[in-house]
């Protein structure tokens, strides 16, 4: 495989190519999704059943998965023990994200504060087919559960996947519906005769699902519009070449648009990693996807020094960042932009995908500059409250009325003046 080795003078052109992955959604996709959304909004379950037959080639009598089906799938799944241990790690991590409101009392009797409340009902979208990931069920549902969400509704294309249902059972999902695609997102946004309307929908999906989430933002909240997956590895001379190669390919196998990039400090290191990739790839099931991904959007960048590598990492703002160096904690505070950071030689990215506890729903395509991983915060809302005594109002009245009149809002001023006559 021809793995790009990028020298200092080529760094900018590589970054430009990396950013080009996030192309605008095609107009025909947006038009098709808009029609689906409107049909579901107007025709509810009838539209959902028709789309399921059309797109999934399945004629359903009932959209909802029965409770006994879910329990049976849990009992049949061969990975329930692993899912349960992963779930405990995820819950333990996210419980630390819980926060309380606050209240401030002033001497004049004023009370101001903030209350935090969980969302009432959220939707979890879970892909089907070849992209059936029970780990995503845990990562999307458990933070909502920890936040105290009353009801979690899961939608997933019709499929016979015991592991998906087992993960939903373990995560405490309340109801599951056999629907996928843009039509499932529309059903969650507007509600149908069978599918309840939700406050927010989270979870990955194809371009139609992502477009539906984007179009329906405002009708409900969403988590983020996820782009292709990516990993960036900063590797010193002591980082094992085989580890670097394995970690690059573990991410590249997701998708031909995925990006797996290494920042190292010598051409010899880059060549040794290349040799390891070409040796390891021979036995991998998704060899063709890995090859195209790395050749098109991956590579090994030769950096001048550690500062150059850190600057590049912060500019790329990767979804996953591995600091495969002798003292990773020394570099950790220098990282400004990343979805999740993996420290040292023995912390490969799949630990975060499945098991360690931090969420694997992460910002992509450079959006780690301003977005954060999915967390308990995504499933709460806040409101403020204010209490003033008559004395406190009188003390503040002149300031408030002056500001109101400066903006030309005399009725605002009047509501204060009426009380202090």
Protein backbone atom coordinates (compact mmCIF):
# COMPACT_ATOMS: atom_id res chain seq x y z
CA UNK A 1 0.00 0.00 0.00
CA UNK A 2 1.20 3.49 -0.85
CA UNK A 3 1.08 5.36 2.47
CA UNK A 4 1.67 9.12 2.15
CA UNK A 5 4.73 10.39 4.05
CA UNK A 6 4.30 14.14 4.46
CA UNK A 7 7.25 16.44 5.11
CA UNK A 8 7.11 19.88 6.74
CA UNK A 9 6.51 21.85 3.54
CA UNK A 10 3.54 19.61 2.64
CA UNK A 11 1.65 19.94 5.94
CA UNK A 12 -0.69 22.73 4.79
CA UNK A 13 -1.82 20.90 1.65
CA UNK A 14 -2.51 17.78 3.72
CA UNK A 15 -4.67 19.76 6.16
CA UNK A 16 -6.61 21.24 3.23
CA UNK A 17 -7.30 17.75 1.90
CA UNK A 18 -8.40 16.58 5.35
CA UNK A 19 -10.92 19.42 5.60
CA UNK A 20 -12.31 18.60 2.15
CA UNK A 21 -13.95 15.45 3.56
CA UNK A 22 -16.66 17.60 5.11
CA UNK A 23 -18.40 18.46 1.86
CA UNK A 24 -21.86 20.04 1.81
CA UNK A 25 -24.87 17.74 1.73
CA UNK A 26 -26.06 17.20 -1.79
CA UNK A 27 -29.20 19.11 -2.75
CA UNK A 28 -30.99 15.97 -3.93
CA UNK A 29 -30.47 14.34 -0.52
CA UNK A 30 -31.92 17.37 1.26
CA UNK A 31 -34.91 17.41 -1.10
CA UNK A 32 -35.58 13.69 -0.62
CA UNK A 33 -35.31 13.93 3.16
CA UNK A 34 -37.62 16.96 3.25
CA UNK A 35 -40.32 14.95 1.44
CA UNK A 36 -39.93 12.05 3.86
CA UNK A 37 -40.21 14.38 6.86
CA UNK A 38 -43.38 16.00 5.52
CA UNK A 39 -44.97 12.64 4.71
CA UNK A 40 -44.31 11.30 8.22
CA UNK A 41 -45.60 14.52 9.75
CA UNK A 42 -48.86 14.28 7.80
CA UNK A 43 -49.43 10.51 7.68
CA UNK A 44 -47.72 9.14 10.80
CA UNK A 45 -47.60 5.35 11.16
CA UNK A 46 -48.94 4.79 7.63
CA UNK A 47 -45.90 6.57 6.16
CA UNK A 48 -43.53 4.68 8.48
CA UNK A 49 -44.92 1.31 7.44
CA UNK A 50 -44.72 2.24 3.75
CA UNK A 51 -41.11 3.42 4.03
CA UNK A 52 -40.14 0.27 5.96
CA UNK A 53 -41.52 -1.88 3.17
CA UNK A 54 -39.90 0.31 0.49
CA UNK A 55 -36.42 0.76 1.99
CA UNK A 56 -36.03 -2.32 4.22
CA UNK A 57 -38.08 -4.79 2.14
CA UNK A 58 -40.04 -5.79 5.23
CA UNK A 59 -43.79 -5.59 5.74
CA UNK A 60 -44.49 -5.01 9.42
CA UNK A 61 -47.70 -5.48 11.34
CA UNK A 62 -46.36 -3.74 14.43
CA UNK A 63 -43.70 -1.04 14.70
CA UNK A 64 -42.82 -1.60 18.35
CA UNK A 65 -40.58 -4.37 19.65
CA UNK A 66 -42.34 -6.27 22.42
CA UNK A 67 -40.85 -6.47 25.90
CA UNK A 68 -40.57 -10.27 25.81
CA UNK A 69 -38.64 -10.04 22.50
CA UNK A 70 -36.12 -7.72 24.14
CA UNK A 71 -35.70 -9.99 27.15
CA UNK A 72 -35.30 -13.05 24.92
CA UNK A 73 -32.62 -11.28 22.88
CA UNK A 74 -30.79 -10.36 26.08
CA UNK A 75 -30.77 -14.01 27.13
CA UNK A 76 -29.58 -15.17 23.70
CA UNK A 77 -26.78 -12.63 23.25
CA UNK A 78 -23.29 -14.03 23.67
CA UNK A 79 -21.79 -10.72 24.85
CA UNK A 80 -24.08 -9.73 27.74
CA UNK A 81 -21.29 -10.05 30.34
CA UNK A 82 -19.01 -7.78 28.35
CA UNK A 83 -21.81 -5.27 27.71
CA UNK A 84 -22.70 -5.21 31.41
CA UNK A 85 -19.11 -4.56 32.49
CA UNK A 86 -18.77 -1.83 29.87
CA UNK A 87 -22.07 -0.32 31.06
CA UNK A 88 -20.79 -0.15 34.65
CA UNK A 89 -17.68 1.72 33.50
CA UNK A 90 -19.73 4.14 31.40
CA UNK A 91 -22.19 4.84 34.23
CA UNK A 92 -19.41 5.36 36.77
CA UNK A 93 -17.67 7.88 34.53
CA UNK A 94 -20.83 9.82 33.65
CA UNK A 95 -22.05 10.02 37.25
CA UNK A 96 -19.13 12.36 37.86
CA UNK A 97 -20.62 14.77 35.32
CA UNK A 98 -23.76 15.34 37.39
CA UNK A 99 -24.00 18.85 38.77
CA UNK A 100 -26.31 20.78 41.04
CA UNK A 101 -28.01 24.10 40.71
CA UNK A 102 -27.09 27.04 42.89
CA UNK A 103 -28.74 29.83 44.91
CA UNK A 104 -27.39 33.24 45.89
CA UNK A 105 -29.00 35.22 48.75
CA UNK A 106 -28.18 38.89 49.21
CA UNK A 107 -28.52 40.97 52.37
CA UNK A 108 -31.44 42.99 50.96
CA UNK A 109 -33.55 39.86 50.55
CA UNK A 110 -32.85 39.23 46.85
CA UNK A 111 -32.65 35.56 45.89
CA UNK A 112 -31.33 34.42 42.51
CA UNK A 113 -30.46 30.92 41.40
CA UNK A 114 -30.49 28.15 38.84
CA UNK A 115 -32.31 24.83 38.73
CA UNK A 116 -31.18 21.85 36.66
CA UNK A 117 -33.77 19.44 35.28
CA UNK A 118 -33.43 16.37 33.03
CA UNK A 119 -35.20 16.25 29.69
CA UNK A 120 -38.46 14.31 29.87
CA UNK A 121 -38.09 12.08 26.81
CA UNK A 122 -35.19 11.48 24.41
CA UNK A 123 -34.75 9.43 21.26
CA UNK A 124 -31.77 7.18 20.49
CA UNK A 125 -31.08 6.39 16.83
CA UNK A 126 -29.21 3.10 16.31
CA UNK A 127 -28.06 2.14 12.79
CA UNK A 128 -28.76 -1.33 11.41
CA UNK A 129 -27.27 -3.56 8.73
CA UNK A 130 -23.49 -3.77 8.64
CA UNK A 131 -23.26 -0.82 11.06
CA UNK A 132 -24.90 -2.52 14.05
CA UNK A 133 -23.02 -1.27 17.08
CA UNK A 134 -24.34 -2.30 20.53
CA UNK A 135 -21.63 -0.12 22.09
CA UNK A 136 -23.37 2.94 20.64
CA UNK A 137 -26.58 1.95 22.40
CA UNK A 138 -24.75 2.07 25.73
CA UNK A 139 -22.92 5.31 24.96
CA UNK A 140 -26.07 7.17 23.90
CA UNK A 141 -28.58 5.79 26.40
CA UNK A 142 -26.58 5.60 29.63
CA UNK A 143 -25.73 9.33 29.95
CA UNK A 144 -29.45 10.03 29.52
CA UNK A 145 -30.25 7.50 32.21
CA UNK A 146 -27.65 8.99 34.57
CA UNK A 147 -29.07 12.47 33.89
CA UNK A 148 -32.48 11.27 35.05
CA UNK A 149 -34.37 11.30 31.74
CA UNK A 150 -37.83 9.80 32.34
CA UNK A 151 -38.22 7.92 29.06
CA UNK A 152 -35.72 6.74 26.43
CA UNK A 153 -37.12 5.79 23.02
CA UNK A 154 -34.91 3.80 20.66
CA UNK A 155 -35.40 3.51 16.91
CA UNK A 156 -33.46 1.10 14.74
CA UNK A 157 -34.08 -0.45 11.29
CA UNK A 158 -35.79 -3.85 11.32
CA UNK A 159 -33.05 -6.36 12.09
CA UNK A 160 -32.42 -9.60 13.91
CA UNK A 161 -29.57 -8.48 16.12
CA UNK A 162 -29.70 -9.84 19.64
CA UNK A 163 -26.73 -7.74 20.76
CA UNK A 164 -28.44 -4.44 19.92
CA UNK A 165 -31.54 -5.41 21.91
CA UNK A 166 -29.42 -6.79 24.75
CA UNK A 167 -27.54 -3.49 25.01
CA UNK A 168 -30.87 -1.62 25.08
CA UNK A 169 -32.10 -3.88 27.87
CA UNK A 170 -28.92 -3.31 29.90
CA UNK A 171 -29.03 0.47 29.33
CA UNK A 172 -32.65 0.73 30.49
CA UNK A 173 -34.20 1.84 27.19
CA UNK A 174 -37.95 2.10 27.73
CA UNK A 175 -39.37 1.45 24.24
CA UNK A 176 -37.91 0.27 20.92
CA UNK A 177 -39.35 0.78 17.42
CA UNK A 178 -38.41 -1.04 14.19
CA UNK A 179 -37.86 2.03 12.04
CA UNK A 180 -34.76 3.55 10.52
CA UNK A 181 -33.62 6.29 8.18
CA UNK A 182 -34.89 9.85 7.91
CA UNK A 183 -38.43 8.62 8.57
CA UNK A 184 -37.43 7.42 12.06
CA UNK A 185 -35.93 10.80 12.91
CA UNK A 186 -39.08 12.54 11.67
CA UNK A 187 -41.25 10.22 13.79
CA UNK A 188 -39.26 11.12 16.90
CA UNK A 189 -39.49 14.83 16.11
CA UNK A 190 -43.22 15.04 15.48
CA UNK A 191 -44.60 11.87 17.03
CA UNK A 192 -47.06 9.49 15.37
CA UNK A 193 -49.99 7.38 16.52
CA UNK A 194 -47.47 4.88 17.91
CA UNK A 195 -44.12 6.63 18.25
CA UNK A 196 -43.99 9.27 21.00
CA UNK A 197 -42.58 12.74 20.32
CA UNK A 198 -39.20 13.36 21.98
CA UNK A 199 -37.36 16.43 23.22
CA UNK A 200 -34.02 15.42 21.70
CA UNK A 201 -32.56 12.75 19.40
CA UNK A 202 -28.98 11.48 19.59
CA UNK A 203 -27.04 8.79 17.77
CA UNK A 204 -25.16 8.15 14.51
CA UNK A 205 -26.58 7.41 11.09
CA UNK A 206 -26.02 7.68 7.35
CA UNK A 207 -26.28 10.87 5.28
CA UNK A 208 -30.11 10.67 5.25
CA UNK A 209 -30.29 10.37 9.03
CA UNK A 210 -27.77 13.18 9.50
CA UNK A 211 -29.67 15.42 7.07
CA UNK A 212 -32.98 14.72 8.82
CA UNK A 213 -31.44 15.65 12.17
CA UNK A 214 -30.09 18.88 10.71
CA UNK A 215 -33.46 19.80 9.14
CA UNK A 216 -35.42 18.96 12.31
CA UNK A 217 -33.16 20.83 14.71
CA UNK A 218 -35.45 23.37 16.32
CA UNK A 219 -38.46 21.04 16.28
CA UNK A 220 -36.36 19.00 18.69
CA UNK A 221 -32.78 19.22 19.92
CA UNK A 222 -30.03 17.00 18.48
CA UNK A 223 -26.56 15.99 19.64
CA UNK A 224 -24.36 16.87 16.65
CA UNK A 225 -23.96 16.27 12.92
CA UNK A 226 -21.18 13.70 12.87
CA UNK A 227 -18.69 13.50 10.02
CA UNK A 228 -16.24 10.74 9.05
CA UNK A 229 -14.24 9.23 11.89
CA UNK A 230 -10.60 10.13 12.53
CA UNK A 231 -7.56 9.38 14.64
CA UNK A 232 -4.37 11.38 15.10
CA UNK A 233 -1.35 9.78 16.78
CA UNK A 234 1.64 11.69 18.13
CA UNK A 235 4.39 9.07 18.34
CA UNK A 236 7.89 9.49 19.73
CA UNK A 237 10.86 7.30 18.76
CA UNK A 238 10.07 4.84 21.57
CA UNK A 239 6.48 4.18 20.48
CA UNK A 240 6.25 0.59 19.17
CA UNK A 241 5.84 0.66 15.40
CA UNK A 242 3.43 -2.28 15.43
CA UNK A 243 1.16 -0.48 17.91
CA UNK A 244 1.06 2.65 15.77
CA UNK A 245 0.21 0.67 12.64
CA UNK A 246 -2.52 -1.32 14.40
CA UNK A 247 -4.12 1.80 15.85
CA UNK A 248 -4.13 3.58 12.48
CA UNK A 249 -5.92 0.68 10.83
CA UNK A 250 -8.39 0.20 13.67
CA UNK A 251 -9.82 3.60 12.79
CA UNK A 252 -9.33 3.46 9.01
CA UNK A 253 -11.52 0.36 8.76
CA UNK A 254 -14.62 2.40 9.67
CA UNK A 255 -15.08 4.08 6.32
CA UNK A 256 -13.21 5.08 3.15
CA UNK A 257 -13.61 8.69 4.31
CA UNK A 258 -12.04 7.98 7.72
CA UNK A 259 -8.70 9.61 8.46
CA UNK A 260 -5.79 7.91 10.26
CA UNK A 261 -2.73 10.14 10.66
CA UNK A 262 0.54 9.88 12.56
CA UNK A 263 2.78 12.74 13.64
CA UNK A 264 6.35 11.51 14.20
CA UNK A 265 9.82 13.00 14.13
CA UNK A 266 11.90 11.05 11.61
CA UNK A 267 11.56 9.60 8.15
CA UNK A 268 13.02 6.31 9.41
CA UNK A 269 10.16 6.03 11.92
CA UNK A 270 7.62 6.74 9.18
CA UNK A 271 9.10 4.01 6.97
CA UNK A 272 9.09 1.46 9.78
CA UNK A 273 5.41 2.16 10.54
CA UNK A 274 4.62 1.84 6.83
CA UNK A 275 6.27 -1.59 6.77
CA UNK A 276 4.21 -2.67 9.77
CA UNK A 277 0.97 -1.54 8.14
CA UNK A 278 1.72 -3.46 4.95
CA UNK A 279 2.48 -6.58 6.97
CA UNK A 280 -0.53 -6.39 9.33
CA UNK A 281 -3.12 -5.45 6.73
CA UNK A 282 -2.86 -8.78 4.91
CA UNK A 283 -4.93 -10.57 7.56
CA UNK A 284 -7.63 -7.91 8.07
CA UNK A 285 -11.21 -8.38 6.88
CA UNK A 286 -11.71 -4.76 5.77
CA UNK A 287 -8.42 -4.49 3.90
CA UNK A 288 -9.80 -2.58 0.90
CA UNK A 289 -11.52 0.05 3.05
CA UNK A 290 -8.36 0.56 5.13
CA UNK A 291 -6.18 0.97 2.05
CA UNK A 292 -8.41 3.58 0.43
CA UNK A 293 -8.94 5.47 3.68
CA UNK A 294 -5.23 5.78 4.47
CA UNK A 295 -4.17 6.50 0.89
CA UNK A 296 -6.81 9.22 0.42
CA UNK A 297 -7.08 10.87 3.85
CA UNK A 298 -4.35 9.43 6.06
CA UNK A 299 -0.62 9.49 6.20
CA UNK A 300 2.48 9.98 8.31
CA UNK A 301 3.62 13.56 8.87
CA UNK A 302 7.24 14.28 9.74
CA UNK A 303 7.26 17.04 12.36
CA UNK A 304 10.24 19.25 13.23
CA UNK A 305 9.71 18.89 16.98
CA UNK A 306 7.12 18.29 19.69
CA UNK A 307 5.85 21.89 19.52
CA UNK A 308 5.17 21.49 15.79
CA UNK A 309 3.24 18.27 16.50
CA UNK A 310 1.14 19.88 19.26
CA UNK A 311 0.34 22.89 17.06
CA UNK A 312 -0.79 20.57 14.24
CA UNK A 313 -2.89 18.50 16.61
CA UNK A 314 -4.66 21.59 17.94
CA UNK A 315 -5.27 22.83 14.41
CA UNK A 316 -6.68 19.49 13.23
CA UNK A 317 -8.79 19.15 16.43
CA UNK A 318 -9.16 15.38 15.97
CA UNK A 319 -11.97 13.17 17.17
CA UNK A 320 -9.44 10.76 18.72
CA UNK A 321 -5.93 11.79 19.74
CA UNK A 322 -3.33 9.28 20.93
CA UNK A 323 -0.28 10.65 22.75
CA UNK A 324 1.99 7.66 22.21
CA UNK A 325 4.98 9.20 24.01
CA UNK A 326 7.06 8.43 27.11
CA UNK A 327 5.44 11.09 29.30
CA UNK A 328 1.95 11.75 27.89
CA UNK A 329 0.79 13.69 30.94
CA UNK A 330 3.45 16.30 30.21
CA UNK A 331 1.74 17.00 26.87
CA UNK A 332 -1.85 16.68 28.06
CA UNK A 333 -2.26 20.27 29.27
CA UNK A 334 -0.96 21.54 25.93
CA UNK A 335 -3.85 19.92 24.06
CA UNK A 336 -6.58 22.48 23.43
CA UNK A 337 -8.74 20.76 20.80
CA UNK A 338 -9.61 17.04 20.79
CA UNK A 339 -12.65 14.84 21.30
CA UNK A 340 -10.91 12.25 23.47
CA UNK A 341 -7.23 11.82 24.36
CA UNK A 342 -5.55 8.42 24.86
CA UNK A 343 -2.35 8.49 26.91
CA UNK A 344 0.72 6.31 26.56
CA UNK A 345 1.70 3.20 24.66
CA UNK A 346 -0.93 0.89 26.18
CA UNK A 347 -4.13 2.91 25.71
CA UNK A 348 -5.41 2.15 22.20
CA UNK A 349 -8.46 4.00 20.91
CA UNK A 350 -10.78 0.93 20.97
CA UNK A 351 -10.67 1.09 24.79
CA UNK A 352 -12.63 4.31 24.47
CA UNK A 353 -14.94 2.89 21.81
CA UNK A 354 -16.15 0.08 24.02
CA UNK A 355 -15.12 -0.03 27.59
CA UNK A 356 -13.15 2.55 29.55
CA UNK A 357 -16.07 4.81 30.44
CA UNK A 358 -15.72 8.18 28.65
CA UNK A 359 -18.21 8.62 25.83
CA UNK A 360 -17.34 7.57 22.30
CA UNK A 361 -19.79 10.00 20.68
CA UNK A 362 -17.24 12.68 19.82
CA UNK A 363 -16.96 15.82 17.69
CA UNK A 364 -15.45 15.22 14.23
CA UNK A 365 -14.13 17.23 11.27
CA UNK A 366 -12.39 19.80 13.44
CA UNK A 367 -15.51 20.63 15.47
CA UNK A 368 -13.66 19.70 18.69
CA UNK A 369 -12.63 23.36 18.55
CA UNK A 370 -16.11 24.20 19.88
CA UNK A 371 -18.02 20.93 20.52
CA UNK A 372 -17.61 18.42 23.36
CA UNK A 373 -18.23 14.66 23.70
CA UNK A 374 -21.76 13.50 24.43
CA UNK A 375 -22.33 13.76 28.17
CA UNK A 376 -24.88 14.11 30.94
CA UNK A 377 -25.00 17.82 30.05
CA UNK A 378 -26.68 16.90 26.75
CA UNK A 379 -29.69 15.52 28.59
CA UNK A 380 -30.38 18.34 31.01
CA UNK A 381 -31.81 21.83 30.80
CA UNK A 382 -31.49 24.76 33.16
CA UNK A 383 -33.76 27.57 34.27
CA UNK A 384 -33.03 30.58 36.40
CA UNK A 385 -35.18 32.09 39.15
CA UNK A 386 -35.32 35.55 40.74
CA UNK A 387 -36.96 36.88 43.91
CA UNK A 388 -36.90 40.57 44.99
CA UNK A 389 -38.41 42.10 48.11
CA UNK A 390 -40.14 45.47 47.95
CA UNK A 391 -37.02 47.09 49.43
CA UNK A 392 -34.69 45.39 46.94
CA UNK A 393 -36.87 46.48 44.02
CA UNK A 394 -36.84 50.09 45.23
CA UNK A 395 -33.04 50.06 45.45
CA UNK A 396 -32.70 48.81 41.85
CA UNK A 397 -35.61 50.69 40.28
CA UNK A 398 -33.69 53.73 38.99
CA UNK A 399 -31.05 51.60 37.25
CA UNK A 400 -33.63 49.35 35.58
CA UNK A 401 -35.93 52.16 34.40
CA UNK A 402 -32.97 54.14 33.08
CA UNK A 403 -31.80 51.16 31.01
CA UNK A 404 -35.31 50.44 29.76
CA UNK A 405 -35.89 54.03 28.64
CA UNK A 406 -32.48 54.11 26.93
CA UNK A 407 -33.73 51.26 24.76
CA UNK A 408 -37.04 53.02 24.10
CA UNK A 409 -39.06 50.43 26.05
CA UNK A 410 -41.19 52.67 28.21
CA UNK A 411 -43.63 49.90 29.13
CA UNK A 412 -40.73 47.97 30.62
CA UNK A 413 -39.90 51.01 32.73
CA UNK A 414 -43.58 51.36 33.60
CA UNK A 415 -43.81 47.89 35.12
CA UNK A 416 -41.11 48.93 37.59
CA UNK A 417 -42.48 52.44 38.25
CA UNK A 418 -45.97 51.07 38.94
CA UNK A 419 -44.56 49.25 41.97
CA UNK A 420 -42.56 52.12 43.51
CA UNK A 421 -45.08 54.96 43.38
